[in-house]
């Protein structure tokens, strides 16, 4: 990766191409180029006396690389930071400005209807169009905005349709699986760039709904944690040995249904018995949002009613128990804004 970045930076930075030529050579549209430039400072075209943008060959090669990276599932914010990083610090100075703290919304990027378009594509089972729209969202926005401004509102819309009796279970299942596959690919892409405390995340026995725990795993990965996603409906057989072998700092399980809380309690007691291994237990999920009294019987730490609180709870645990200091290594800054979703994990 470092060699590739050095190769990009070796191209000429002499400004000579207008934006039309850049679009033709890179196949990246004008609105996306301007969104990247406005938000991340990449590329950095020069201006003519009349204010027109002029791009260098280096700009073009960087844009091509960013396009390939986002098509492979890397968020644009992650890709920009990867461009900036060189452990040996040999890249030319001032080639890229520091990435700005995420503040962009869908409307700011010129995509006010993206969520609506994506939802319509999903309810019509137009998966080709849905994938195109999701790819656009992934390329434009960091994970937090993708989750809070796109994915969670769509899931809420599906839930309302189901309550109203206007939804179709098969359509929803197909849509959820498609979203789940894309989020899983993002989780896998980002995993090599994390080096913080290790966290195991999953859903307990009987839980078939793991989209919430998957989203939480992805958000924690953005915090620099090394996250291992265990999936839904964990069984007890061999679980203690698995925990000891992987030696996580925190194990977090979620439950959306009250009837599955008992198995979370059982795993929590198991983890409590492994405290001498430096292991801590956390739990969350819709079951605890609708029945908060359940927390009184639970071992470990309740991570909170929403994703933002759950992320902050994990950070607090890392401070409280002296876990390794986080080195984001390409993850977003801690001060990035996360919307307050009340959807249970």
Protein backbone atom coordinates (compact mmCIF):
# COMPACT_ATOMS: atom_id res chain seq x y z
CA UNK A 1 0.00 0.00 0.00
CA UNK A 2 2.82 2.41 0.88
CA UNK A 3 4.53 1.68 -2.43
CA UNK A 4 1.27 2.39 -4.26
CA UNK A 5 0.85 5.72 -2.49
CA UNK A 6 4.43 6.70 -3.27
CA UNK A 7 3.77 5.77 -6.89
CA UNK A 8 0.76 8.11 -6.97
CA UNK A 9 2.72 10.95 -5.45
CA UNK A 10 5.47 10.53 -8.03
CA UNK A 11 3.26 11.84 -10.83
CA UNK A 12 3.62 15.44 -11.99
CA UNK A 13 1.72 18.07 -10.01
CA UNK A 14 1.73 20.58 -12.88
CA UNK A 15 -1.85 21.80 -13.42
CA UNK A 16 -3.00 21.30 -17.00
CA UNK A 17 -6.38 19.45 -17.22
CA UNK A 18 -9.83 21.01 -16.93
CA UNK A 19 -12.61 19.24 -15.07
CA UNK A 20 -14.15 17.85 -18.26
CA UNK A 21 -10.89 16.08 -19.10
CA UNK A 22 -10.67 14.71 -15.56
CA UNK A 23 -14.20 13.29 -15.73
CA UNK A 24 -13.40 11.63 -19.06
CA UNK A 25 -10.18 10.07 -17.76
CA UNK A 26 -11.44 8.95 -14.35
CA UNK A 27 -15.16 8.27 -14.95
CA UNK A 28 -15.90 10.12 -11.69
CA UNK A 29 -18.72 12.63 -12.08
CA UNK A 30 -18.41 16.34 -11.31
CA UNK A 31 -20.66 16.30 -8.22
CA UNK A 32 -18.59 13.54 -6.62
CA UNK A 33 -15.32 15.32 -7.41
CA UNK A 34 -16.56 18.52 -5.83
CA UNK A 35 -17.91 16.68 -2.79
CA UNK A 36 -14.52 15.04 -2.25
CA UNK A 37 -12.71 18.34 -2.73
CA UNK A 38 -15.05 20.29 -0.42
CA UNK A 39 -14.99 17.77 2.35
CA UNK A 40 -11.60 16.10 2.27
CA UNK A 41 -9.41 18.50 0.33
CA UNK A 42 -8.74 15.79 -2.26
CA UNK A 43 -8.01 16.46 -5.04
CA UNK A 44 -6.42 19.92 -4.79
CA UNK A 45 -6.81 21.59 -8.20
CA UNK A 46 -5.19 24.91 -8.89
CA UNK A 47 -7.26 27.86 -10.12
CA UNK A 48 -6.81 29.92 -13.24
CA UNK A 49 -7.05 33.70 -13.16
CA UNK A 50 -10.73 33.29 -14.02
CA UNK A 51 -11.34 30.83 -11.19
CA UNK A 52 -11.51 27.65 -13.28
CA UNK A 53 -10.09 24.43 -11.82
CA UNK A 54 -6.98 22.89 -13.35
CA UNK A 55 -5.89 19.39 -12.34
CA UNK A 56 -2.49 17.74 -12.49
CA UNK A 57 -1.65 14.20 -13.54
CA UNK A 58 -1.11 13.46 -9.86
CA UNK A 59 -4.67 14.62 -9.14
CA UNK A 60 -6.01 12.32 -11.85
CA UNK A 61 -4.11 9.27 -10.59
CA UNK A 62 -5.26 9.94 -7.02
CA UNK A 63 -8.88 10.24 -8.20
CA UNK A 64 -8.58 6.94 -10.07
CA UNK A 65 -7.20 5.27 -6.96
CA UNK A 66 -9.96 6.70 -4.77
CA UNK A 67 -12.57 5.43 -7.23
CA UNK A 68 -11.11 1.91 -7.15
CA UNK A 69 -10.86 1.98 -3.37
CA UNK A 70 -14.50 3.00 -2.89
CA UNK A 71 -15.63 0.40 -5.41
CA UNK A 72 -13.83 -2.19 -3.28
CA UNK A 73 -15.88 -1.10 -0.26
CA UNK A 74 -13.52 1.36 1.42
CA UNK A 75 -15.24 4.54 2.54
CA UNK A 76 -13.91 7.73 0.98
CA UNK A 77 -12.86 9.07 4.40
CA UNK A 78 -10.83 5.92 5.05
CA UNK A 79 -9.25 6.02 1.60
CA UNK A 80 -8.17 9.66 2.04
CA UNK A 81 -6.53 8.90 5.37
CA UNK A 82 -4.74 5.92 3.82
CA UNK A 83 -3.34 8.33 1.21
CA UNK A 84 -2.07 10.58 3.97
CA UNK A 85 -0.35 7.86 5.97
CA UNK A 86 3.23 6.82 5.43
CA UNK A 87 5.02 5.30 8.45
CA UNK A 88 8.38 6.40 7.09
CA UNK A 89 7.07 9.91 6.43
CA UNK A 90 8.76 10.15 3.05
CA UNK A 91 5.91 11.59 1.03
CA UNK A 92 6.17 15.21 -0.14
CA UNK A 93 4.79 17.67 2.38
CA UNK A 94 1.56 19.55 1.79
CA UNK A 95 0.45 17.13 -0.92
CA UNK A 96 -2.78 16.45 0.92
CA UNK A 97 -4.46 18.61 3.51
CA UNK A 98 -5.67 17.11 6.77
CA UNK A 99 -9.06 15.43 6.37
CA UNK A 100 -11.78 17.58 7.82
CA UNK A 101 -13.99 16.40 10.62
CA UNK A 102 -17.12 14.84 9.04
CA UNK A 103 -19.93 17.35 8.96
CA UNK A 104 -21.40 16.60 5.55
CA UNK A 105 -24.98 15.51 5.17
CA UNK A 106 -26.69 13.89 2.22
CA UNK A 107 -28.17 17.26 1.26
CA UNK A 108 -24.74 18.95 1.40
CA UNK A 109 -23.41 16.48 -1.17
CA UNK A 110 -26.26 17.13 -3.56
CA UNK A 111 -28.05 13.86 -2.86
CA UNK A 112 -31.16 14.92 -0.89
CA UNK A 113 -33.19 12.06 -2.42
CA UNK A 114 -30.64 9.28 -2.08
CA UNK A 115 -32.33 7.62 0.89
CA UNK A 116 -35.74 7.86 -0.76
CA UNK A 117 -34.41 6.47 -4.03
CA UNK A 118 -32.69 3.62 -2.24
CA UNK A 119 -35.80 2.76 -0.23
CA UNK A 120 -37.94 2.73 -3.38
CA UNK A 121 -35.41 0.50 -5.15
CA UNK A 122 -35.50 -1.92 -2.21
CA UNK A 123 -39.28 -2.13 -1.86
CA UNK A 124 -39.49 -2.72 -5.62
CA UNK A 125 -36.75 -5.37 -5.34
CA UNK A 126 -34.66 -3.47 -7.89
CA UNK A 127 -31.43 -4.74 -6.36
CA UNK A 128 -29.23 -3.57 -9.22
CA UNK A 129 -30.31 0.04 -8.68
CA UNK A 130 -30.14 -0.39 -4.90
CA UNK A 131 -26.53 -1.55 -5.14
CA UNK A 132 -25.63 1.42 -7.34
CA UNK A 133 -27.18 3.84 -4.84
CA UNK A 134 -25.49 2.13 -1.90
CA UNK A 135 -22.15 2.31 -3.69
CA UNK A 136 -22.71 6.03 -4.21
CA UNK A 137 -23.49 6.55 -0.53
CA UNK A 138 -20.42 4.53 0.51
CA UNK A 139 -18.18 6.58 -1.78
CA UNK A 140 -19.50 9.94 -0.55
CA UNK A 141 -20.06 9.50 3.18
CA UNK A 142 -18.21 8.15 6.21
CA UNK A 143 -19.66 5.13 7.97
CA UNK A 144 -21.51 7.17 10.63
CA UNK A 145 -23.52 9.16 8.09
CA UNK A 146 -24.09 6.08 5.95
CA UNK A 147 -25.53 4.31 9.00
CA UNK A 148 -27.50 7.12 10.62
CA UNK A 149 -28.72 9.05 7.57
CA UNK A 150 -29.30 6.16 5.17
CA UNK A 151 -29.43 2.65 6.65
CA UNK A 152 -31.29 3.23 9.93
CA UNK A 153 -34.00 5.50 8.44
CA UNK A 154 -34.64 2.88 5.78
CA UNK A 155 -34.93 0.16 8.42
CA UNK A 156 -37.37 2.37 10.33
CA UNK A 157 -39.40 2.84 7.13
CA UNK A 158 -39.58 -0.92 6.67
CA UNK A 159 -40.71 -1.33 10.28
CA UNK A 160 -43.48 1.26 9.81
CA UNK A 161 -44.69 -0.52 6.68
CA UNK A 162 -44.80 -3.78 8.59
CA UNK A 163 -46.80 -2.23 11.46
CA UNK A 164 -49.17 -0.58 8.97
CA UNK A 165 -49.71 -3.88 7.19
CA UNK A 166 -48.39 -2.51 3.90
CA UNK A 167 -45.07 -4.33 3.96
CA UNK A 168 -44.02 -7.70 2.61
CA UNK A 169 -41.83 -9.97 4.74
CA UNK A 170 -40.01 -11.47 1.76
CA UNK A 171 -39.22 -8.05 0.30
CA UNK A 172 -37.90 -6.87 3.67
CA UNK A 173 -35.79 -10.00 4.16
CA UNK A 174 -34.19 -9.61 0.74
CA UNK A 175 -33.50 -5.92 1.40
CA UNK A 176 -32.00 -6.60 4.84
CA UNK A 177 -29.77 -9.34 3.44
CA UNK A 178 -28.50 -7.05 0.69
CA UNK A 179 -27.71 -4.29 3.19
CA UNK A 180 -26.17 -6.83 5.54
CA UNK A 181 -23.86 -8.11 2.80
CA UNK A 182 -22.63 -4.61 1.96
CA UNK A 183 -22.01 -3.73 5.61
CA UNK A 184 -20.19 -7.02 6.16
CA UNK A 185 -17.91 -6.24 3.24
CA UNK A 186 -17.11 -2.84 4.80
CA UNK A 187 -16.33 -4.56 8.09
CA UNK A 188 -13.88 -6.87 6.35
CA UNK A 189 -12.25 -4.08 4.36
CA UNK A 190 -11.53 -1.91 7.40
CA UNK A 191 -10.37 -4.71 9.70
CA UNK A 192 -6.64 -4.64 8.75
CA UNK A 193 -6.38 -0.95 9.72
CA UNK A 194 -7.43 -1.29 13.36
CA UNK A 195 -5.11 -1.85 16.31
CA UNK A 196 -7.10 -0.90 19.40
CA UNK A 197 -8.58 -3.19 22.06
CA UNK A 198 -10.23 -6.37 20.82
CA UNK A 199 -14.03 -6.63 20.99
CA UNK A 200 -16.26 -9.59 20.21
CA UNK A 201 -19.75 -8.62 19.04
CA UNK A 202 -22.70 -10.88 18.31
CA UNK A 203 -26.28 -11.86 19.06
CA UNK A 204 -27.23 -14.44 21.63
CA UNK A 205 -28.89 -17.82 21.21
CA UNK A 206 -32.28 -17.59 19.50
CA UNK A 207 -31.57 -14.19 17.92
CA UNK A 208 -31.87 -14.24 14.15
CA UNK A 209 -31.70 -10.43 13.80
CA UNK A 210 -28.06 -9.38 13.83
CA UNK A 211 -28.12 -6.23 11.68
CA UNK A 212 -27.95 -4.06 14.80
CA UNK A 213 -24.94 -5.90 16.21
CA UNK A 214 -23.30 -5.76 12.76
CA UNK A 215 -23.79 -1.99 12.62
CA UNK A 216 -22.34 -1.64 16.12
CA UNK A 217 -19.33 -3.74 15.14
CA UNK A 218 -18.77 -1.47 12.13
CA UNK A 219 -19.04 1.70 14.22
CA UNK A 220 -16.59 0.35 16.80
CA UNK A 221 -14.19 -0.55 14.03
CA UNK A 222 -14.32 3.10 12.98
CA UNK A 223 -13.13 3.91 16.50
CA UNK A 224 -10.00 1.87 15.88
CA UNK A 225 -11.09 -1.21 17.85
CA UNK A 226 -10.19 -4.66 16.58
CA UNK A 227 -13.68 -6.11 16.20
CA UNK A 228 -14.56 -9.74 15.61
CA UNK A 229 -18.17 -10.11 14.52
CA UNK A 230 -19.62 -13.42 15.72
CA UNK A 231 -23.00 -13.22 14.00
CA UNK A 232 -26.44 -14.29 15.24
CA UNK A 233 -27.70 -17.03 17.57
CA UNK A 234 -24.50 -17.95 19.39
CA UNK A 235 -24.52 -21.35 21.05
CA UNK A 236 -22.91 -22.07 24.40
CA UNK A 237 -20.88 -25.11 23.33
CA UNK A 238 -17.18 -24.22 23.29
CA UNK A 239 -17.89 -20.54 23.89
CA UNK A 240 -15.77 -20.19 27.04
CA UNK A 241 -12.73 -21.78 25.37
CA UNK A 242 -13.27 -19.52 22.35
CA UNK A 243 -13.30 -16.43 24.56
CA UNK A 244 -10.14 -17.48 26.39
CA UNK A 245 -8.34 -18.25 23.12
CA UNK A 246 -9.21 -14.89 21.52
CA UNK A 247 -8.71 -12.94 24.78
CA UNK A 248 -10.98 -9.97 23.97
CA UNK A 249 -11.05 -6.88 26.17
CA UNK A 250 -14.85 -6.68 25.80
CA UNK A 251 -17.58 -9.10 24.75
CA UNK A 252 -20.84 -7.41 23.67
CA UNK A 253 -24.04 -9.37 22.96
CA UNK A 254 -27.37 -8.00 21.78
CA UNK A 255 -30.97 -9.17 21.99
CA UNK A 256 -33.97 -7.72 20.19
CA UNK A 257 -36.50 -10.02 21.89
CA UNK A 258 -37.11 -10.28 25.63
CA UNK A 259 -37.26 -14.08 25.53
CA UNK A 260 -33.61 -14.19 24.48
CA UNK A 261 -32.31 -12.14 27.40
CA UNK A 262 -31.84 -15.23 29.60
CA UNK A 263 -29.15 -16.58 27.28
CA UNK A 264 -27.37 -13.20 27.33
CA UNK A 265 -27.41 -13.38 31.12
CA UNK A 266 -25.86 -16.85 30.95
CA UNK A 267 -23.04 -15.67 28.70
CA UNK A 268 -22.53 -12.62 30.91
CA UNK A 269 -22.06 -14.83 33.95
CA UNK A 270 -19.58 -16.91 31.98
CA UNK A 271 -17.56 -13.83 31.05
CA UNK A 272 -17.70 -12.62 34.66
CA UNK A 273 -16.07 -15.91 35.64
CA UNK A 274 -13.26 -15.12 33.21
CA UNK A 275 -12.52 -11.69 34.69
CA UNK A 276 -9.00 -12.83 35.62
CA UNK A 277 -8.33 -12.92 31.88
CA UNK A 278 -9.00 -9.16 31.71
CA UNK A 279 -12.32 -9.73 29.98
CA UNK A 280 -15.39 -7.49 30.37
CA UNK A 281 -19.00 -8.01 29.35
CA UNK A 282 -21.47 -5.61 27.76
CA UNK A 283 -25.02 -6.03 26.49
CA UNK A 284 -27.54 -4.02 24.52
CA UNK A 285 -30.49 -4.35 22.19
CA UNK A 286 -34.13 -3.51 21.73
CA UNK A 287 -35.16 -5.96 24.46
CA UNK A 288 -33.52 -3.69 27.04
CA UNK A 289 -34.96 -0.54 25.48
CA UNK A 290 -38.56 -1.77 25.77
CA UNK A 291 -37.99 -3.52 29.14
CA UNK A 292 -35.29 -1.54 30.99
CA UNK A 293 -35.99 -3.41 34.24
CA UNK A 294 -34.17 -6.40 32.71
CA UNK A 295 -30.89 -4.57 33.26
CA UNK A 296 -31.22 -5.05 37.01
CA UNK A 297 -30.61 -8.79 36.65
CA UNK A 298 -27.77 -8.56 34.17
CA UNK A 299 -24.04 -8.90 34.87
CA UNK A 300 -21.68 -6.55 33.11
CA UNK A 301 -22.31 -3.13 31.57
CA UNK A 302 -25.42 -1.94 29.76
CA UNK A 303 -24.04 -0.23 26.67
CA UNK A 304 -27.04 2.09 26.18
CA UNK A 305 -30.28 2.63 24.29
CA UNK A 306 -28.72 3.89 21.06
CA UNK A 307 -25.63 3.43 18.95
CA UNK A 308 -23.97 6.66 20.00
CA UNK A 309 -24.27 5.81 23.68
CA UNK A 310 -23.06 2.26 23.03
CA UNK A 311 -19.92 3.55 21.33
CA UNK A 312 -19.27 6.00 24.17
CA UNK A 313 -19.80 3.22 26.73
CA UNK A 314 -17.09 1.12 25.09
CA UNK A 315 -14.70 4.07 25.10
CA UNK A 316 -15.49 4.63 28.78
CA UNK A 317 -14.73 0.98 29.53
CA UNK A 318 -11.38 1.32 27.81
CA UNK A 319 -10.52 4.26 30.08
CA UNK A 320 -11.90 2.67 33.23
CA UNK A 321 -10.02 -0.60 32.88
CA UNK A 322 -6.84 0.74 31.33
CA UNK A 323 -7.18 -0.99 27.98
CA UNK A 324 -4.57 -0.26 25.29
CA UNK A 325 -4.60 3.28 23.98
CA UNK A 326 -6.46 3.54 20.68
CA UNK A 327 -4.46 4.42 17.62
CA UNK A 328 -7.09 5.12 15.01
CA UNK A 329 -4.67 4.23 12.16
CA UNK A 330 -7.01 5.56 9.52
CA UNK A 331 -10.25 5.52 11.51
CA UNK A 332 -12.21 8.72 11.94
CA UNK A 333 -11.54 11.23 14.72
CA UNK A 334 -13.36 10.81 18.01
CA UNK A 335 -15.09 14.16 17.69
CA UNK A 336 -17.01 13.12 14.56
CA UNK A 337 -20.72 13.67 14.96
CA UNK A 338 -22.94 10.61 15.41
CA UNK A 339 -26.68 11.14 15.24
CA UNK A 340 -28.73 10.00 18.23
CA UNK A 341 -30.63 7.03 16.95
CA UNK A 342 -33.11 5.56 19.41
CA UNK A 343 -33.26 2.31 17.46
CA UNK A 344 -32.20 -0.52 19.76
CA UNK A 345 -29.06 -2.43 18.86
